[in-house]
Amino acid sequence: MLYTCGMRVKIQQFLFGKCHSWAVVGKCIGRELLNQGHNVDFVSTDGIKNKYVPTYAKNHIKQPYGRYDMQISYTAMKNFPQYLHNGNKNRFGIYNYDGSVLPDHWAKYHQFVDKLLPSSEYAKKVFIDAKVPENKLVVVPHGIDLGDFNVEPYKLKTKKSIKILNVCGQIHRRKNFTGMLDAYGKAFSKKDDVCLVLKVVDKKPNGRFELSFKDLYKKWCVKNKNAPEVEIIYEYIDKIESVFLACDIHFSLSNIECFHIPSLQSMAAGKLTIQSNYGGSVDFMNNNNSLLVDGKIGRCPPTYQYWTPSPYAEMFIPSIDDAVEKLRYAVNNYGNLIEKFSPNMKDTVQEYTWENVSKQIMGLVK
């Protein structure tokens, strides 16, 4: 039976306890399903903090009961049996392993979902290589809501003309924050009319795959005596879109990304985007809407990997020299590049919306 409205839906995962990428995805899909007239129950597995609860969800925070017509969970695969057990159809698990080799024994959890929804072709290949049946896999990307950009730009302190943004949150090694800083320091000096705006979380590392931002930044400052300007934002910002609107370029240099919402948000804000030419982001980034940094494939160290590391894991090693060249080119030719990329940027963000994401999921319902 194909449902068109009025379905009972459960979304059980990280939602309202912390600012987490999984939570963003779950909440945004839930919002669209509510807009379509479905009855959505949000089950937050990481607690509830009011600042992370959007208005539309306040009356829909429930404990699971009975059977649901559809269940969705963006979570580690080992949680699928627990989070998707209130019904035996339309069980959709979302997961992306930010690495090239899925940990041992994870693939078996596909049996607890009807469809597993990786967010990119890169992420899908990781599952196929781990022997997850391809007929269980459907690529469903992440998205944005263009209405979220109807906000005032964030008030930055810098007076520089060109603001280069990096939204990183927690400093995971695979995000190559060190390489990003290195490239910025080599591309510019304090005499240049640029400022790097860093939106990061001020917290101690949790696990081998995390680094301390303050330690990294201190070392960078010592190394770069003539460093270009940097502005750091630590506090939680309810409307992160305001930061994108306040800046001109979003610059990331990741080793591995299974999607990369910040690059999409940058396009939606009408800004220039620079990112590694690898991984899930190249599903929607190309030479007609972005500047992509070249590099090579190399070994992925154990400290970059989550859960169980593999000696066979690979990652992208972006060229710092090419990143420096792309940064300078972006700053020196900003207006021309925006004019060139703008039509394709607009087409991209019209395609990659949470509304379209939810419609694609509904198209899988049986």
Protein backbone atom coordinates (compact mmCIF):
# COMPACT_ATOMS: atom_id res chain seq x y z
CA MET A 1 0.00 0.00 0.00
CA LEU A 2 1.34 3.45 -0.92
CA TYR A 3 0.69 6.04 1.76
CA THR A 4 0.22 9.67 0.77
CA CYS A 5 -0.65 11.27 4.11
CA GLY A 6 -1.43 10.55 7.72
CA MET A 7 1.27 7.96 8.37
CA ARG A 8 2.51 7.25 11.89
CA VAL A 9 6.24 7.92 11.74
CA LYS A 10 8.90 7.44 14.37
CA ILE A 11 12.31 9.12 14.23
CA GLN A 12 14.52 7.65 16.96
CA GLN A 13 18.15 8.78 17.25
CA PHE A 14 20.26 11.72 18.49
CA LEU A 15 17.91 14.69 18.27
CA PHE A 16 17.70 17.18 21.12
CA GLY A 17 20.63 16.58 23.45
CA LYS A 18 23.50 18.13 21.52
CA CYS A 19 24.39 19.95 18.32
CA HIS A 20 25.11 16.93 16.15
CA SER A 21 24.97 16.40 12.38
CA TRP A 22 22.79 13.31 12.79
CA ALA A 23 20.33 15.39 14.81
CA VAL A 24 20.17 18.05 12.09
CA VAL A 25 19.26 15.42 9.51
CA GLY A 26 16.64 13.73 11.71
CA LYS A 27 14.98 16.99 12.71
CA CYS A 28 14.87 18.35 9.16
CA ILE A 29 13.37 15.17 7.71
CA GLY A 30 10.84 15.16 10.54
CA ARG A 31 9.90 18.77 9.85
CA GLU A 32 9.18 18.01 6.20
CA LEU A 33 7.10 14.95 7.06
CA LEU A 34 5.07 17.05 9.50
CA ASN A 35 4.55 19.61 6.74
CA GLN A 36 3.21 16.80 4.55
CA GLY A 37 0.59 15.93 7.15
CA HIS A 38 2.17 12.89 8.76
CA ASN A 39 2.07 12.18 12.50
CA VAL A 40 5.72 12.20 13.58
CA ASP A 41 7.03 11.06 16.96
CA PHE A 42 10.54 12.29 17.81
CA VAL A 43 12.37 9.94 20.18
CA SER A 44 15.60 11.58 21.33
CA THR A 45 18.24 9.10 22.47
CA ASP A 46 20.69 11.75 23.69
CA GLY A 47 18.41 13.60 26.10
CA ILE A 48 16.60 16.89 25.66
CA LYS A 49 17.95 20.43 25.94
CA ASN A 50 15.44 23.15 25.14
CA LYS A 51 17.80 25.17 22.95
CA TYR A 52 18.05 22.23 20.55
CA VAL A 53 14.28 21.68 20.31
CA PRO A 54 12.73 23.56 17.37
CA THR A 55 9.22 24.92 17.76
CA TYR A 56 7.67 22.46 15.32
CA ALA A 57 8.93 19.49 17.35
CA LYS A 58 7.84 20.54 20.85
CA ASN A 59 4.50 18.76 20.77
CA HIS A 60 5.88 15.68 19.05
CA ILE A 61 8.50 14.47 21.54
CA LYS A 62 7.24 11.06 22.59
CA GLN A 63 8.21 7.67 23.87
CA PRO A 64 7.62 5.02 21.22
CA TYR A 65 4.42 3.00 21.46
CA GLY A 66 2.62 0.53 19.24
CA ARG A 67 3.49 -0.04 15.61
CA TYR A 68 4.50 2.66 13.17
CA ASP A 69 3.89 2.87 9.44
CA MET A 70 7.45 4.13 8.97
CA GLN A 71 10.56 4.33 11.14
CA ILE A 72 13.70 6.35 10.47
CA SER A 73 16.98 6.40 12.38
CA TYR A 74 20.29 8.06 11.59
CA THR A 75 22.53 6.19 13.99
CA ALA A 76 25.39 3.75 14.27
CA MET A 77 24.32 0.50 12.59
CA LYS A 78 24.52 -1.51 15.81
CA ASN A 79 21.54 0.54 17.08
CA PHE A 80 19.22 -0.48 14.24
CA PRO A 81 17.70 -3.49 16.11
CA GLN A 82 16.77 -1.29 19.09
CA TYR A 83 15.67 1.85 17.27
CA LEU A 84 13.70 0.27 14.41
CA HIS A 85 11.73 -2.46 16.16
CA ASN A 86 8.26 -0.81 16.35
CA GLY A 87 7.03 -2.36 13.12
CA ASN A 88 8.30 -4.68 10.40
CA LYS A 89 8.02 -2.57 7.25
CA ASN A 90 9.33 0.79 6.02
CA ARG A 91 12.29 0.64 8.40
CA PHE A 92 14.82 3.09 7.03
CA GLY A 93 18.28 3.26 8.54
CA ILE A 94 20.54 6.18 7.67
CA TYR A 95 24.25 5.84 8.20
CA ASN A 96 27.48 7.07 6.63
CA TYR A 97 30.81 5.68 7.72
CA ASP A 98 33.40 8.43 7.22
CA GLY A 99 36.06 5.99 6.11
CA SER A 100 36.73 3.59 3.25
CA VAL A 101 36.46 0.33 5.24
CA LEU A 102 33.38 -0.41 7.34
CA PRO A 103 34.28 -1.88 10.78
CA ASP A 104 34.15 -5.66 11.10
CA HIS A 105 30.75 -7.19 11.83
CA TRP A 106 28.77 -3.99 11.08
CA ALA A 107 27.44 -5.12 7.73
CA LYS A 108 25.26 -7.77 9.36
CA TYR A 109 22.98 -5.09 10.83
CA HIS A 110 21.48 -4.45 7.40
CA GLN A 111 19.08 -7.29 8.20
CA PHE A 112 17.25 -4.99 10.64
CA VAL A 113 16.33 -2.41 7.97
CA ASP A 114 14.23 -2.57 4.84
CA LYS A 115 16.46 0.00 3.18
CA LEU A 116 19.79 1.48 4.21
CA LEU A 117 20.12 5.08 3.02
CA PRO A 118 23.72 6.25 2.53
CA SER A 119 23.95 9.93 1.64
CA SER A 120 26.31 9.72 -1.33
CA GLU A 121 27.74 7.39 -3.93
CA TYR A 122 30.98 7.34 -1.94
CA ALA A 123 29.15 6.15 1.18
CA LYS A 124 27.21 3.58 -0.83
CA LYS A 125 30.43 2.06 -2.19
CA VAL A 126 31.74 1.60 1.36
CA PHE A 127 28.69 -0.55 2.15
CA ILE A 128 28.93 -2.51 -1.09
CA ASP A 129 32.60 -3.23 -0.39
CA ALA A 130 31.50 -4.53 3.03
CA LYS A 131 29.10 -6.97 1.30
CA VAL A 132 25.87 -5.20 2.18
CA PRO A 133 23.43 -6.31 -0.57
CA GLU A 134 23.14 -3.57 -3.16
CA ASN A 135 19.37 -4.01 -3.36
CA LYS A 136 19.22 -2.87 0.27
CA LEU A 137 20.97 0.42 -0.55
CA VAL A 138 19.41 3.65 -1.82
CA VAL A 139 21.39 6.89 -1.96
CA VAL A 140 19.35 9.63 -0.29
CA PRO A 141 21.33 12.87 0.05
CA HIS A 142 21.16 15.45 2.79
CA GLY A 143 19.72 18.86 2.06
CA ILE A 144 18.95 22.42 3.05
CA ASP A 145 15.82 24.51 3.47
CA LEU A 146 16.16 27.75 1.52
CA GLY A 147 13.73 29.42 3.93
CA ASP A 148 16.30 29.02 6.71
CA PHE A 149 18.45 31.64 4.96
CA ASN A 150 15.86 34.38 5.47
CA VAL A 151 17.80 35.68 8.48
CA GLU A 152 20.07 38.61 9.20
CA PRO A 153 23.80 38.00 8.68
CA TYR A 154 25.78 37.27 11.83
CA LYS A 155 27.62 40.31 13.17
CA LEU A 156 31.31 39.59 12.87
CA LYS A 157 34.00 41.64 14.58
CA THR A 158 36.42 41.70 11.67
CA LYS A 159 36.68 44.70 9.36
CA LYS A 160 38.36 42.76 6.57
CA SER A 161 36.63 42.74 3.18
CA ILE A 162 36.82 38.99 2.43
CA LYS A 163 35.68 36.57 5.11
CA ILE A 164 36.67 32.93 4.63
CA LEU A 165 34.52 30.60 6.75
CA ASN A 166 35.18 27.13 8.07
CA VAL A 167 32.33 25.46 9.95
CA CYS A 168 33.97 22.50 11.60
CA GLY A 169 32.37 21.96 15.00
CA GLN A 170 34.35 19.18 16.65
CA ILE A 171 37.91 18.82 15.40
CA HIS A 172 38.03 15.30 13.99
CA ARG A 173 41.32 14.36 12.34
CA ARG A 174 39.62 13.38 9.06
CA LYS A 175 38.42 16.97 8.66
CA ASN A 176 42.05 17.98 8.12
CA PHE A 177 41.74 21.16 10.16
CA THR A 178 45.53 21.31 10.37
CA GLY A 179 45.84 21.30 6.58
CA MET A 180 43.14 23.95 6.25
CA LEU A 181 44.97 26.26 8.66
CA ASP A 182 48.29 25.54 6.98
CA ALA A 183 46.93 26.49 3.56
CA TYR A 184 45.37 29.71 4.86
CA GLY A 185 48.62 30.71 6.61
CA LYS A 186 50.64 30.10 3.44
CA ALA A 187 48.16 31.86 1.15
CA PHE A 188 47.95 35.15 3.05
CA SER A 189 49.61 37.36 5.65
CA LYS A 190 48.31 39.99 8.06
CA LYS A 191 48.62 42.67 5.38
CA ASP A 192 46.00 40.92 3.22
CA ASP A 193 42.38 42.04 3.36
CA VAL A 194 41.09 38.64 4.48
CA CYS A 195 39.87 37.02 7.69
CA LEU A 196 39.37 33.33 8.46
CA VAL A 197 36.18 32.85 10.49
CA LEU A 198 36.22 29.60 12.46
CA LYS A 199 33.02 28.13 13.92
CA VAL A 200 34.31 25.47 16.29
CA VAL A 201 33.41 23.72 19.53
CA ASP A 202 35.54 24.43 22.59
CA LYS A 203 35.88 21.00 24.15
CA LYS A 204 38.48 18.46 25.15
CA PRO A 205 39.19 15.68 22.64
CA ASN A 206 37.07 12.56 23.07
CA GLY A 207 38.82 9.60 21.52
CA ARG A 208 41.85 9.12 19.32
CA PHE A 209 40.09 10.63 16.30
CA GLU A 210 39.59 14.08 17.91
CA LEU A 211 42.05 16.92 18.40
CA SER A 212 42.12 20.00 20.61
CA PHE A 213 41.31 23.14 18.66
CA LYS A 214 43.13 25.38 21.10
CA ASP A 215 46.30 23.28 20.88
CA LEU A 216 46.19 23.28 17.07
CA TYR A 217 45.51 26.98 16.88
CA LYS A 218 48.26 27.84 19.36
CA LYS A 219 50.81 25.85 17.34
CA TRP A 220 49.64 27.54 14.14
CA CYS A 221 50.04 31.01 15.67
CA VAL A 222 53.56 30.18 16.84
CA LYS A 223 54.44 28.91 13.36
CA ASN A 224 52.87 31.88 11.56
CA LYS A 225 54.34 35.05 13.09
CA ASN A 226 52.93 37.14 10.24
CA ALA A 227 49.59 35.31 10.27
CA PRO A 228 46.51 36.63 8.48
CA GLU A 229 43.55 37.55 10.65
CA VAL A 230 41.38 34.91 12.33
CA GLU A 231 38.05 35.32 14.13
CA ILE A 232 36.81 32.44 16.29
CA ILE A 233 33.17 31.71 17.14
CA TYR A 234 32.69 29.26 19.99
CA GLU A 235 29.09 29.88 21.05
CA TYR A 236 26.07 27.95 19.86
CA ILE A 237 24.24 29.79 17.07
CA ASP A 238 20.62 28.79 16.58
CA LYS A 239 20.57 29.99 12.97
CA ILE A 240 23.92 28.88 11.60
CA GLU A 241 22.80 30.14 8.19
CA SER A 242 23.45 33.68 9.50
CA VAL A 243 27.18 32.92 9.65
CA PHE A 244 27.27 31.76 6.04
CA LEU A 245 25.48 34.94 5.01
CA ALA A 246 28.09 37.04 6.84
CA CYS A 247 31.01 35.45 4.98
CA ASP A 248 32.14 35.24 1.37
CA ILE A 249 33.85 31.86 1.00
CA HIS A 250 33.50 28.52 2.75
CA PHE A 251 36.81 26.67 2.78
CA SER A 252 37.25 23.04 3.83
CA LEU A 253 40.06 20.61 3.11
CA SER A 254 38.72 17.30 4.40
CA ASN A 255 40.39 13.94 3.98
CA ILE A 256 37.01 12.18 4.02
CA GLU A 257 33.41 13.43 3.90
CA CYS A 258 30.37 11.31 3.13
CA PHE A 259 28.34 14.39 2.21
CA HIS A 260 29.34 17.77 3.77
CA ILE A 261 26.31 19.92 4.48
CA PRO A 262 28.40 23.11 5.07
CA SER A 263 29.45 23.15 1.40
CA LEU A 264 25.79 22.95 0.39
CA GLN A 265 24.87 25.66 2.90
CA SER A 266 27.54 27.90 1.41
CA MET A 267 26.00 27.55 -2.04
CA ALA A 268 22.53 28.21 -0.63
CA ALA A 269 23.84 31.44 0.89
CA GLY A 270 25.15 32.42 -2.54
CA LYS A 271 28.79 32.15 -1.49
CA LEU A 272 31.89 30.64 -3.03
CA THR A 273 32.82 27.13 -1.91
CA ILE A 274 36.25 25.47 -1.81
CA GLN A 275 36.54 21.80 -0.85
CA SER A 276 38.59 18.66 -1.47
CA ASN A 277 37.90 16.95 -4.80
CA TYR A 278 36.91 13.66 -3.15
CA GLY A 279 34.17 11.87 -1.26
CA GLY A 280 30.46 12.47 -0.94
CA SER A 281 30.61 16.19 -1.59
CA VAL A 282 31.52 15.66 -5.26
CA ASP A 283 28.00 14.30 -5.79
CA PHE A 284 26.89 17.94 -5.82
CA MET A 285 30.15 19.91 -6.19
CA ASN A 286 31.84 20.28 -9.55
CA ASN A 287 33.89 22.71 -11.62
CA ASN A 288 30.75 24.63 -12.56
CA ASN A 289 29.73 25.57 -9.01
CA SER A 290 32.84 25.27 -6.81
CA LEU A 291 36.61 25.29 -6.60
CA LEU A 292 37.86 21.76 -5.95
CA VAL A 293 41.30 21.10 -4.51
CA ASP A 294 43.39 18.38 -6.12
CA GLY A 295 45.29 15.72 -4.20
CA LYS A 296 46.08 12.02 -4.04
CA ILE A 297 44.82 8.86 -2.35
CA GLY A 298 46.92 7.68 0.58
CA ARG A 299 46.84 5.53 3.69
CA CYS A 300 44.34 6.42 6.40
CA PRO A 301 46.06 6.21 9.82
CA PRO A 302 44.26 4.32 12.62
CA THR A 303 43.80 7.56 14.59
CA TYR A 304 41.68 8.98 11.76
CA GLN A 305 39.24 6.06 11.85
CA TYR A 306 36.19 5.52 14.02
CA TRP A 307 35.39 2.36 15.94
CA THR A 308 37.62 -0.44 14.60
CA PRO A 309 40.48 0.80 12.39
CA SER A 310 41.51 -1.10 9.27
CA PRO A 311 45.06 -1.28 7.90
CA TYR A 312 43.54 -1.21 4.39
CA ALA A 313 41.69 2.09 4.84
CA GLU A 314 42.38 4.95 2.43
CA MET A 315 41.79 8.68 2.48
CA PHE A 316 42.29 11.74 0.32
CA ILE A 317 45.40 13.84 0.91
CA PRO A 318 44.69 17.28 -0.55
CA SER A 319 47.52 19.28 -2.03
CA ILE A 320 48.38 22.24 0.19
CA ASP A 321 50.00 23.98 -2.78
CA ASP A 322 46.81 23.63 -4.82
CA ALA A 323 44.71 24.79 -1.86
CA VAL A 324 46.91 27.90 -1.53
CA GLU A 325 46.52 28.58 -5.23
CA LYS A 326 42.72 28.11 -5.09
CA LEU A 327 42.41 30.41 -2.05
CA ARG A 328 44.35 33.22 -3.69
CA TYR A 329 42.48 32.74 -6.95
CA ALA A 330 39.15 32.86 -5.11
CA VAL A 331 40.00 36.09 -3.29
CA ASN A 332 41.49 37.83 -6.33
CA ASN A 333 38.66 36.84 -8.68
CA TYR A 334 35.73 36.69 -6.30
CA GLY A 335 33.19 38.69 -8.27
CA ASN A 336 33.87 36.91 -11.55
CA LEU A 337 33.70 33.49 -9.92
CA ILE A 338 30.38 34.23 -8.23
CA GLU A 339 28.97 35.42 -11.54
CA LYS A 340 30.26 32.28 -13.26
CA PHE A 341 29.11 29.79 -10.62
CA SER A 342 25.84 31.39 -9.50
CA PRO A 343 23.47 29.75 -12.05
CA ASN A 344 24.76 26.25 -11.26
CA MET A 345 24.82 26.95 -7.53
CA LYS A 346 21.14 27.91 -7.66
CA ASP A 347 20.25 24.78 -9.63
CA THR A 348 22.16 22.63 -7.12
CA VAL A 349 20.45 23.99 -4.02
CA GLN A 350 17.02 23.73 -5.65
CA GLU A 351 17.67 20.02 -6.12
CA TYR A 352 19.22 19.31 -2.70
CA THR A 353 16.42 20.39 -0.36
CA TRP A 354 14.99 18.62 2.67
CA GLU A 355 11.63 18.68 0.90
CA ASN A 356 13.08 16.61 -1.95
CA VAL A 357 14.86 14.35 0.53
CA SER A 358 11.59 13.58 2.32
CA LYS A 359 9.82 12.96 -0.99
CA GLN A 360 12.52 10.48 -1.99
CA ILE A 361 12.09 8.62 1.30
CA MET A 362 8.31 8.58 0.84
CA GLY A 363 8.89 7.07 -2.59
CA LEU A 364 10.40 4.02 -0.86
CA VAL A 365 7.31 3.38 1.29
CA LYS A 366 5.47 0.11 0.70
